[in-house]
């Protein structure tokens, strides 16, 4: 496996040493890894193990975007049902449960660093 480097960053990985139409400083052979060990992250390729843990601010931003797309429409639907002269309480309860499940899903998908550490510790206790 080969890596193309520019400004001491890995900008491409390939099974052979052919990097067409790329402007790089040098290429290196890497016998210890394969292409699937690398992930494109923030404009360069890093080993999967070297990907930094997202900050709370990054996760908070991702959660906010997901809430906007997935939670807000359900909340609006709940509000519209509540505004009706005879609200369908069963449908409202169903939507509230759906919304709670989506919130949990989003929090699981984008955990804050402390939450990730806590869940890993819980996993170790159950093993």
C-alpha atoms as a PDB file:
ATOM      1  CA  UNK A   1       0.000   0.000   0.000  1.00  0.00           C
ATOM      2  CA  UNK A   2       1.217   3.506  -0.811  1.00  0.00           C
ATOM      3  CA  UNK A   3       0.550   6.974   0.590  1.00  0.00           C
ATOM      4  CA  UNK A   4       0.894  10.318  -1.172  1.00  0.00           C
ATOM      5  CA  UNK A   5       2.013  13.116   1.155  1.00  0.00           C
ATOM      6  CA  UNK A   6       1.737  16.878   0.831  1.00  0.00           C
ATOM      7  CA  UNK A   7       2.928  19.199   3.618  1.00  0.00           C
ATOM      8  CA  UNK A   8       3.454  16.136   5.848  1.00  0.00           C
ATOM      9  CA  UNK A   9      -0.210  15.114   5.506  1.00  0.00           C
ATOM     10  CA  UNK A  10      -1.452  11.981   3.793  1.00  0.00           C
ATOM     11  CA  UNK A  11      -3.570  13.232   0.910  1.00  0.00           C
ATOM     12  CA  UNK A  12      -4.157   9.906  -0.860  1.00  0.00           C
ATOM     13  CA  UNK A  13      -3.809   6.169  -0.321  1.00  0.00           C
ATOM     14  CA  UNK A  14      -3.641   3.514  -3.004  1.00  0.00           C
ATOM     15  CA  UNK A  15      -2.846  -0.163  -3.385  1.00  0.00           C
ATOM     16  CA  UNK A  16      -0.124   0.698  -5.898  1.00  0.00           C
ATOM     17  CA  UNK A  17       2.229   3.653  -6.244  1.00  0.00           C
ATOM     18  CA  UNK A  18       0.238   5.306  -9.030  1.00  0.00           C
ATOM     19  CA  UNK A  19      -1.387   8.649  -8.135  1.00  0.00           C
ATOM     20  CA  UNK A  20      -2.446  10.231 -11.441  1.00  0.00           C
ATOM     21  CA  UNK A  21      -2.957  13.989 -11.684  1.00  0.00           C
ATOM     22  CA  UNK A  22      -2.036  14.565  -8.051  1.00  0.00           C
ATOM     23  CA  UNK A  23       0.320  17.223  -6.790  1.00  0.00           C
ATOM     24  CA  UNK A  24       2.209  15.699  -3.849  1.00  0.00           C
ATOM     25  CA  UNK A  25       5.588  16.114  -2.205  1.00  0.00           C
ATOM     26  CA  UNK A  26       6.459  12.442  -1.896  1.00  0.00           C
ATOM     27  CA  UNK A  27       5.009   8.978  -1.757  1.00  0.00           C
ATOM     28  CA  UNK A  28       5.756   6.306   0.807  1.00  0.00           C
ATOM     29  CA  UNK A  29       5.192   2.606   0.951  1.00  0.00           C
ATOM     30  CA  UNK A  30       3.311   1.360   4.024  1.00  0.00           C
ATOM     31  CA  UNK A  31       3.647  -2.396   4.539  1.00  0.00           C
ATOM     32  CA  UNK A  32       1.960  -2.294   7.963  1.00  0.00           C
ATOM     33  CA  UNK A  33      -1.485  -1.129   6.762  1.00  0.00           C
ATOM     34  CA  UNK A  34      -3.908  -1.411   3.889  1.00  0.00           C
ATOM     35  CA  UNK A  35      -6.157   1.147   2.229  1.00  0.00           C
ATOM     36  CA  UNK A  36      -9.152   0.241   4.410  1.00  0.00           C
ATOM     37  CA  UNK A  37      -7.183   1.162   7.549  1.00  0.00           C
ATOM     38  CA  UNK A  38      -7.330   4.819   6.484  1.00  0.00           C
ATOM     39  CA  UNK A  39     -10.277   7.220   6.646  1.00  0.00           C
ATOM     40  CA  UNK A  40     -10.579  10.614   4.979  1.00  0.00           C
ATOM     41  CA  UNK A  41     -10.884  13.120   7.817  1.00  0.00           C
ATOM     42  CA  UNK A  42     -10.679  16.909   7.694  1.00  0.00           C
ATOM     43  CA  UNK A  43      -8.826  17.099   4.371  1.00  0.00           C
ATOM     44  CA  UNK A  44      -6.368  14.266   4.930  1.00  0.00           C
ATOM     45  CA  UNK A  45      -6.226  10.522   5.476  1.00  0.00           C
ATOM     46  CA  UNK A  46      -5.752   9.234   9.014  1.00  0.00           C
ATOM     47  CA  UNK A  47      -5.599   5.763  10.446  1.00  0.00           C
ATOM     48  CA  UNK A  48      -8.987   4.842  11.862  1.00  0.00           C
ATOM     49  CA  UNK A  49      -7.459   4.617  15.339  1.00  0.00           C
ATOM     50  CA  UNK A  50      -6.092   8.179  15.044  1.00  0.00           C
ATOM     51  CA  UNK A  51      -9.434   9.882  14.359  1.00  0.00           C
ATOM     52  CA  UNK A  52      -9.931  12.335  17.232  1.00  0.00           C
ATOM     53  CA  UNK A  53     -12.967  12.030  19.479  1.00  0.00           C
ATOM     54  CA  UNK A  54     -15.482  14.724  18.536  1.00  0.00           C
ATOM     55  CA  UNK A  55     -15.797  17.600  20.989  1.00  0.00           C
ATOM     56  CA  UNK A  56     -18.995  18.344  22.858  1.00  0.00           C
ATOM     57  CA  UNK A  57     -19.472  21.433  20.681  1.00  0.00           C
ATOM     58  CA  UNK A  58     -19.170  19.387  17.459  1.00  0.00           C
ATOM     59  CA  UNK A  59     -21.629  16.790  18.729  1.00  0.00           C
ATOM     60  CA  UNK A  60     -24.006  19.499  19.958  1.00  0.00           C
ATOM     61  CA  UNK A  61     -24.002  21.057  16.497  1.00  0.00           C
ATOM     62  CA  UNK A  62     -24.694  17.694  14.860  1.00  0.00           C
ATOM     63  CA  UNK A  63     -27.506  17.016  17.325  1.00  0.00           C
ATOM     64  CA  UNK A  64     -29.065  20.424  16.640  1.00  0.00           C
ATOM     65  CA  UNK A  65     -29.053  19.767  12.892  1.00  0.00           C
ATOM     66  CA  UNK A  66     -30.606  16.324  13.397  1.00  0.00           C
ATOM     67  CA  UNK A  67     -33.268  17.727  15.747  1.00  0.00           C
ATOM     68  CA  UNK A  68     -34.155  20.335  13.137  1.00  0.00           C
ATOM     69  CA  UNK A  69     -34.668  17.694  10.454  1.00  0.00           C
ATOM     70  CA  UNK A  70     -36.141  14.840  12.490  1.00  0.00           C
ATOM     71  CA  UNK A  71     -37.679  16.196  15.712  1.00  0.00           C
ATOM     72  CA  UNK A  72     -39.149  19.561  14.725  1.00  0.00           C
ATOM     73  CA  UNK A  73     -41.569  18.116  12.129  1.00  0.00           C
ATOM     74  CA  UNK A  74     -42.921  15.630  14.696  1.00  0.00           C
ATOM     75  CA  UNK A  75     -43.295  18.422  17.274  1.00  0.00           C
ATOM     76  CA  UNK A  76     -45.151  20.561  14.727  1.00  0.00           C
ATOM     77  CA  UNK A  77     -47.467  17.654  13.923  1.00  0.00           C
ATOM     78  CA  UNK A  78     -48.165  17.146  17.642  1.00  0.00           C
ATOM     79  CA  UNK A  79     -48.962  20.850  18.020  1.00  0.00           C
ATOM     80  CA  UNK A  80     -51.312  20.809  15.013  1.00  0.00           C
ATOM     81  CA  UNK A  81     -53.171  17.821  16.485  1.00  0.00           C
ATOM     82  CA  UNK A  82     -53.428  19.562  19.880  1.00  0.00           C
ATOM     83  CA  UNK A  83     -54.861  22.666  18.185  1.00  0.00           C
ATOM     84  CA  UNK A  84     -57.771  20.706  16.704  1.00  0.00           C
ATOM     85  CA  UNK A  85     -61.204  21.064  18.330  1.00  0.00           C
ATOM     86  CA  UNK A  86     -61.180  17.373  19.204  1.00  0.00           C
ATOM     87  CA  UNK A  87     -57.537  16.289  19.454  1.00  0.00           C
ATOM     88  CA  UNK A  88     -56.738  12.646  18.723  1.00  0.00           C
ATOM     89  CA  UNK A  89     -55.036  11.809  22.042  1.00  0.00           C
ATOM     90  CA  UNK A  90     -53.944   8.350  20.866  1.00  0.00           C
ATOM     91  CA  UNK A  91     -52.194   9.809  17.817  1.00  0.00           C
ATOM     92  CA  UNK A  92     -50.615  12.529  19.973  1.00  0.00           C
ATOM     93  CA  UNK A  93     -49.340   9.923  22.460  1.00  0.00           C
ATOM     94  CA  UNK A  94     -47.976   7.847  19.585  1.00  0.00           C
ATOM     95  CA  UNK A  95     -46.142  10.851  18.129  1.00  0.00           C
ATOM     96  CA  UNK A  96     -44.740  11.807  21.542  1.00  0.00           C
ATOM     97  CA  UNK A  97     -43.348   8.271  21.898  1.00  0.00           C
ATOM     98  CA  UNK A  98     -41.936   8.429  18.358  1.00  0.00           C
ATOM     99  CA  UNK A  99     -40.304  11.780  19.142  1.00  0.00           C
ATOM    100  CA  UNK A 100     -38.758  10.446  22.370  1.00  0.00           C
ATOM    101  CA  UNK A 101     -37.354   7.455  20.485  1.00  0.00           C
ATOM    102  CA  UNK A 102     -35.871   9.767  17.824  1.00  0.00           C
ATOM    103  CA  UNK A 103     -34.284  11.974  20.500  1.00  0.00           C
ATOM    104  CA  UNK A 104     -32.668   8.902  22.073  1.00  0.00           C
ATOM    105  CA  UNK A 105     -31.491   7.732  18.637  1.00  0.00           C
ATOM    106  CA  UNK A 106     -29.888  11.129  17.929  1.00  0.00           C
ATOM    107  CA  UNK A 107     -28.214  11.236  21.343  1.00  0.00           C
ATOM    108  CA  UNK A 108     -26.856   7.732  20.733  1.00  0.00           C
ATOM    109  CA  UNK A 109     -25.635   8.663  17.254  1.00  0.00           C
ATOM    110  CA  UNK A 110     -23.932  11.850  18.499  1.00  0.00           C
ATOM    111  CA  UNK A 111     -22.853  11.196  22.098  1.00  0.00           C
ATOM    112  CA  UNK A 112     -21.013  13.819  24.080  1.00  0.00           C
ATOM    113  CA  UNK A 113     -17.459  12.745  25.012  1.00  0.00           C
ATOM    114  CA  UNK A 114     -18.422  12.033  28.659  1.00  0.00           C
ATOM    115  CA  UNK A 115     -21.430   9.967  27.525  1.00  0.00           C
ATOM    116  CA  UNK A 116     -19.236   7.884  25.230  1.00  0.00           C
ATOM    117  CA  UNK A 117     -16.823   7.217  28.079  1.00  0.00           C
ATOM    118  CA  UNK A 118     -19.674   6.295  30.433  1.00  0.00           C
ATOM    119  CA  UNK A 119     -21.273   3.890  27.948  1.00  0.00           C
ATOM    120  CA  UNK A 120     -17.893   2.240  27.263  1.00  0.00           C
ATOM    121  CA  UNK A 121     -17.422   1.781  31.022  1.00  0.00           C
ATOM    122  CA  UNK A 122     -20.918   0.243  31.274  1.00  0.00           C
ATOM    123  CA  UNK A 123     -20.102  -2.116  28.390  1.00  0.00           C
ATOM    124  CA  UNK A 124     -16.947  -3.269  30.159  1.00  0.00           C
ATOM    125  CA  UNK A 125     -18.938  -3.989  33.340  1.00  0.00           C
ATOM    126  CA  UNK A 126     -21.453  -6.129  31.464  1.00  0.00           C
ATOM    127  CA  UNK A 127     -18.805  -8.205  29.672  1.00  0.00           C
END
